[in-house]
Structures are given as C-alpha cells and as structure tokens.
Amino acid sequence: MLGRAALVVTIYIDPPTWPGHGRMWSHLVSDVSYDELHKFAEELGVPRRAFERDHYDIPSHRYADAVAAGAVEVSSREVVRLLQGAGLRRPKGRGSGPS
C-alpha cells in the first residue's frame, strides 16, 4: 500500500536580540514560501499583524514556543542568508518584492 509522503516544513527563528517597544524580538522565516510561514505562524497563534515584509516578529517570551512547535534555531545572519537564497528577502525601502 502506498501512502502519501509527509510534507516536511522547516521554519527558522533567530535569537531574540532585536530591541523594540520595550521588548526583545526574534524573526521567524521560511526558506520555501510565505504560505508555509503564514501557516506555521497561524498554528502557533501568532497574529498576522506580526508579519513584516518577509518575516514574523516574535517576542522573546514566545521564542521557546516557536522552537517547541518545530522552528529551527539559527543565527540572525543565517536568517538573512536563507531568505536571500530562497528569493524571499524583502529589504526595507526596496518595494514589495514577490508575493
């Protein structure tokens, strides 16, 4: 009997080292698609308003939740490299990029 192969989803998160609004933040990203990222964030209970250009901003108190849900811990430099390699990077001030 042939079964369907499980879809492997890899989402990445950098350490909460980004200050803002009195908190420290992480970036949650996908190296495959925004759809994959939105689905993971929704399942984690992260509101869509936390999405900024090419990543979700995750407050430090939710970092462990994201990792427990399957996000892979990487450095901030690796987050940028992954986004660029996938063609999903949307730098500030450079238009909206891919949808």
Protein backbone atom coordinates (compact mmCIF):
# COMPACT_ATOMS: atom_id res chain seq x y z
CA MET A 1 0.00 0.00 0.00
CA LEU A 2 1.37 3.37 -0.98
CA GLY A 3 0.87 6.22 1.44
CA ARG A 4 1.30 9.92 0.97
CA ALA A 5 4.68 11.21 1.95
CA ALA A 6 4.60 13.64 4.84
CA LEU A 7 5.31 17.22 3.90
CA VAL A 8 8.45 18.38 5.69
CA VAL A 9 8.20 22.00 6.73
CA THR A 10 11.22 23.84 8.05
CA ILE A 11 10.75 27.20 9.67
CA TYR A 12 13.67 29.09 11.17
CA ILE A 13 14.00 31.52 14.08
CA ASP A 14 16.89 33.69 15.19
CA PRO A 15 17.65 34.58 18.83
CA PRO A 16 15.61 37.35 20.45
CA THR A 17 18.27 40.04 20.10
CA TRP A 18 16.30 42.77 18.32
CA PRO A 19 15.01 45.55 20.61
CA GLY A 20 11.70 47.30 20.02
CA HIS A 21 8.73 48.56 22.02
CA GLY A 22 10.38 47.66 25.33
CA ARG A 23 10.92 44.03 24.32
CA MET A 24 13.41 41.81 22.56
CA TRP A 25 12.33 40.14 19.31
CA SER A 26 13.19 37.21 17.06
CA HIS A 27 12.50 36.77 13.36
CA LEU A 28 10.53 33.74 12.16
CA VAL A 29 11.14 32.86 8.49
CA SER A 30 10.65 30.20 5.82
CA ASP A 31 13.11 29.33 3.07
CA VAL A 32 10.30 27.88 0.93
CA SER A 33 7.28 30.21 0.83
CA TYR A 34 5.30 32.85 2.63
CA ASP A 35 2.33 30.46 2.63
CA GLU A 36 4.34 27.93 4.63
CA LEU A 37 5.40 30.68 7.04
CA HIS A 38 1.85 32.03 7.47
CA LYS A 39 0.52 28.52 8.17
CA PHE A 40 3.16 27.85 10.83
CA ALA A 41 2.56 31.24 12.46
CA GLU A 42 -1.20 30.69 12.46
CA GLU A 43 -0.81 27.28 14.10
CA LEU A 44 1.46 28.90 16.70
CA GLY A 45 -1.19 31.55 17.38
CA VAL A 46 0.88 34.45 16.07
CA PRO A 47 -1.34 37.23 14.69
CA ARG A 48 -0.93 38.15 11.02
CA ARG A 49 -0.14 41.75 12.06
CA ALA A 50 3.21 40.42 13.34
CA PHE A 51 4.26 39.74 9.70
CA GLU A 52 6.66 42.38 8.38
CA ARG A 53 7.78 42.16 4.73
CA ASP A 54 9.46 38.73 4.86
CA HIS A 55 9.28 37.54 8.46
CA TYR A 56 7.20 37.41 11.62
CA ASP A 57 8.37 39.35 14.65
CA ILE A 58 8.23 37.03 17.65
CA PRO A 59 8.60 38.45 21.18
CA SER A 60 11.23 36.81 23.37
CA HIS A 61 8.62 35.23 25.66
CA ARG A 62 7.28 33.22 22.64
CA TYR A 63 10.71 32.05 21.40
CA ALA A 64 10.56 28.72 23.26
CA ASP A 65 7.02 28.15 21.96
CA ALA A 66 8.21 28.55 18.37
CA VAL A 67 11.12 26.16 18.92
CA ALA A 68 8.84 23.62 20.63
CA ALA A 69 6.50 23.83 17.61
CA GLY A 70 9.40 22.92 15.31
CA ALA A 71 11.19 26.15 14.38
CA VAL A 72 14.91 25.58 13.88
CA GLU A 73 17.23 27.88 15.79
CA VAL A 74 19.69 29.74 13.56
CA SER A 75 21.74 32.92 13.75
CA SER A 76 20.46 36.26 12.50
CA ARG A 77 22.95 36.11 9.64
CA GLU A 78 21.61 32.70 8.67
CA VAL A 79 18.04 34.09 8.60
CA VAL A 80 19.13 36.67 6.02
CA ARG A 81 21.09 34.07 4.03
CA LEU A 82 18.11 31.70 3.96
CA LEU A 83 15.73 34.45 2.79
CA GLN A 84 18.12 35.64 0.10
CA GLY A 85 18.83 32.10 -1.11
CA ALA A 86 15.10 31.43 -1.45
CA GLY A 87 14.43 34.74 -3.20
CA LEU A 88 12.11 35.76 -0.36
CA ARG A 89 14.12 38.66 1.11
CA ARG A 90 12.24 41.98 1.12
CA PRO A 91 14.62 44.66 2.44
CA LYS A 92 13.18 47.91 3.80
CA GLY A 93 12.65 50.57 1.17
CA ARG A 94 13.00 48.31 -1.88
CA GLY A 95 9.41 47.75 -2.88
CA SER A 96 7.13 44.88 -2.04
CA GLY A 97 9.07 42.08 -3.75
CA PRO A 98 7.49 38.70 -4.52
CA SER A 99 4.02 37.84 -3.23
